[in-house]
């Protein structure tokens, strides 16, 4: 999306006054390629935004006291639509101007970005509140599952139904 598209939204909507109507979803995608904090932050850098909160989930080298070497994220075919739905719900919160999120699927290594999201609001307090709700709701509802590989050769699925 180019700068003009960001200024006018995904469907030609004009930038909003922070209290007049729901914000917009500027980006909501699952990807097999590396994620970019700069891309997600830029997506919510639109008129009316005075505060941006980002969250970046990084593959760590341990979980539950065990050393992790890698992991794989798998997603249900409905995951992109559910991610967009969650983003739309967050965008509808009072004061939210724009939201964006990307989540990685496929094979990841320690240090890779697994999820990046950003919320742009009129003021910082709203951004922190909406950002926390965004990541918590995404993790609870978007059908993405993590397959962890441990250094001892064991493995574990996390978040499966």
Foldseek 3Di string as FASTA:
>chain_A
DDPVCLCQDVPRHHQDALAPFFAHEQAQEEEQDADDQVVQQVSQPYPLFDDKDKDWDFAAQDDPHFGFFWKFKDFDPCQSVVRRVLLRVLRGDRFWHYKYKYAYGGIDGGGTTGMMMMTTGNDHVSRVVSNVSSVVCSLVPRGMKMWTATPVRDIDIPRDD
